[in-house]
Amino acid sequence: MSSPSKRREMDLMKLMMSDYKVETVNDGMQEFLVEFRGPQES
């Protein structure tokens, strides 16, 4: 079983390679912000 930090790194990399806007806090991988877009009508 992989460690939680490896899982976090993999998930973050997948988000960064997708169309989501991802910002890391203090250039680290512990905290990050992801912008999810909702439907245009809402």
N, C-alpha and C. Protein backbone atom coordinates (compact mmCIF):
# COMPACT_ATOMS: atom_id res chain seq x y z
N MET A 1 0.85 -1.18 0.00
CA MET A 1 0.00 0.00 0.00
C MET A 1 0.89 1.24 0.00
N SER A 2 0.54 2.23 -0.81
CA SER A 2 1.38 3.43 -0.90
C SER A 2 1.09 4.38 0.26
N SER A 3 2.04 5.23 0.52
CA SER A 3 1.91 6.17 1.63
C SER A 3 0.96 7.32 1.25
N PRO A 4 0.35 7.97 2.24
CA PRO A 4 -0.55 9.09 1.94
C PRO A 4 0.14 10.23 1.19
N SER A 5 1.42 10.48 1.47
CA SER A 5 2.10 11.58 0.79
C SER A 5 2.30 11.26 -0.70
N LYS A 6 2.58 10.01 -1.03
CA LYS A 6 2.72 9.63 -2.45
C LYS A 6 1.38 9.77 -3.16
N ARG A 7 0.31 9.36 -2.48
CA ARG A 7 -1.03 9.48 -3.07
C ARG A 7 -1.36 10.94 -3.33
N ARG A 8 -1.04 11.81 -2.37
CA ARG A 8 -1.29 13.25 -2.51
C ARG A 8 -0.51 13.80 -3.69
N GLU A 9 0.75 13.42 -3.82
CA GLU A 9 1.58 13.89 -4.93
C GLU A 9 1.00 13.46 -6.27
N MET A 10 0.60 12.19 -6.35
CA MET A 10 0.03 11.68 -7.60
C MET A 10 -1.27 12.41 -7.96
N ASP A 11 -2.14 12.60 -6.97
CA ASP A 11 -3.40 13.29 -7.22
C ASP A 11 -3.16 14.74 -7.64
N LEU A 12 -2.21 15.40 -7.00
CA LEU A 12 -1.90 16.79 -7.34
C LEU A 12 -1.36 16.89 -8.76
N MET A 13 -0.48 15.98 -9.14
CA MET A 13 0.07 15.99 -10.50
C MET A 13 -1.03 15.77 -11.54
N LYS A 14 -1.97 14.86 -11.25
CA LYS A 14 -3.07 14.62 -12.18
C LYS A 14 -3.93 15.87 -12.34
N LEU A 15 -4.19 16.56 -11.23
CA LEU A 15 -4.97 17.80 -11.31
C LEU A 15 -4.23 18.86 -12.10
N MET A 16 -2.93 18.98 -11.90
CA MET A 16 -2.13 20.00 -12.61
C MET A 16 -2.08 19.72 -14.10
N MET A 17 -2.11 18.46 -14.50
CA MET A 17 -2.05 18.10 -15.92
C MET A 17 -3.43 18.18 -16.58
N SER A 18 -4.47 18.31 -15.80
CA SER A 18 -5.82 18.42 -16.34
C SER A 18 -6.14 19.89 -16.61
N ASP A 19 -7.41 20.17 -16.87
CA ASP A 19 -7.83 21.54 -17.17
C ASP A 19 -8.15 22.35 -15.93
N TYR A 20 -7.95 21.80 -14.74
CA TYR A 20 -8.25 22.53 -13.51
C TYR A 20 -7.15 23.54 -13.20
N LYS A 21 -7.55 24.66 -12.62
CA LYS A 21 -6.58 25.66 -12.18
C LYS A 21 -6.12 25.27 -10.79
N VAL A 22 -4.82 25.01 -10.64
CA VAL A 22 -4.26 24.54 -9.37
C VAL A 22 -3.20 25.53 -8.90
N GLU A 23 -3.30 25.96 -7.65
CA GLU A 23 -2.30 26.84 -7.05
C GLU A 23 -1.78 26.17 -5.79
N THR A 24 -0.46 26.11 -5.66
CA THR A 24 0.12 25.56 -4.43
C THR A 24 0.39 26.68 -3.45
N VAL A 25 0.29 26.37 -2.18
CA VAL A 25 0.53 27.33 -1.11
C VAL A 25 1.99 27.19 -0.68
N ASN A 26 2.74 28.28 -0.72
CA ASN A 26 4.16 28.29 -0.34
C ASN A 26 4.99 27.29 -1.14
N ASP A 27 4.62 27.08 -2.41
CA ASP A 27 5.35 26.16 -3.30
C ASP A 27 5.53 24.77 -2.72
N GLY A 28 4.62 24.35 -1.88
CA GLY A 28 4.69 23.01 -1.30
C GLY A 28 3.58 22.14 -1.84
N MET A 29 3.60 20.88 -1.45
CA MET A 29 2.56 19.96 -1.88
C MET A 29 1.60 19.62 -0.75
N GLN A 30 1.81 20.22 0.41
CA GLN A 30 0.94 19.94 1.55
C GLN A 30 -0.39 20.68 1.43
N GLU A 31 -0.36 21.89 0.89
CA GLU A 31 -1.57 22.69 0.75
C GLU A 31 -1.67 23.20 -0.68
N PHE A 32 -2.86 23.08 -1.24
CA PHE A 32 -3.07 23.58 -2.59
C PHE A 32 -4.54 23.93 -2.78
N LEU A 33 -4.79 24.80 -3.74
CA LEU A 33 -6.14 25.25 -4.06
C LEU A 33 -6.48 24.80 -5.48
N VAL A 34 -7.69 24.29 -5.66
CA VAL A 34 -8.14 23.85 -6.97
C VAL A 34 -9.43 24.59 -7.30
N GLU A 35 -9.50 25.16 -8.49
CA GLU A 35 -10.71 25.87 -8.91
C GLU A 35 -11.55 24.91 -9.74
N PHE A 36 -12.74 24.61 -9.23
CA PHE A 36 -13.70 23.76 -9.95
C PHE A 36 -14.77 24.68 -10.53
N ARG A 37 -15.01 24.55 -11.81
CA ARG A 37 -16.02 25.39 -12.46
C ARG A 37 -17.36 24.66 -12.44
N GLY A 38 -18.38 25.41 -12.07
CA GLY A 38 -19.74 24.87 -12.07
C GLY A 38 -20.42 25.15 -13.40
N PRO A 39 -21.68 24.79 -13.49
CA PRO A 39 -22.44 25.09 -14.71
C PRO A 39 -22.49 26.59 -14.96
N GLN A 40 -22.47 26.99 -16.21
CA GLN A 40 -22.45 28.41 -16.55
C GLN A 40 -23.72 29.13 -16.10
N GLU A 41 -24.84 28.43 -16.02
CA GLU A 41 -26.11 29.06 -15.65
C GLU A 41 -26.21 29.34 -14.16
N SER A 42 -25.32 28.79 -13.35
CA SER A 42 -25.46 28.96 -11.89
C SER A 42 -24.64 30.12 -11.38
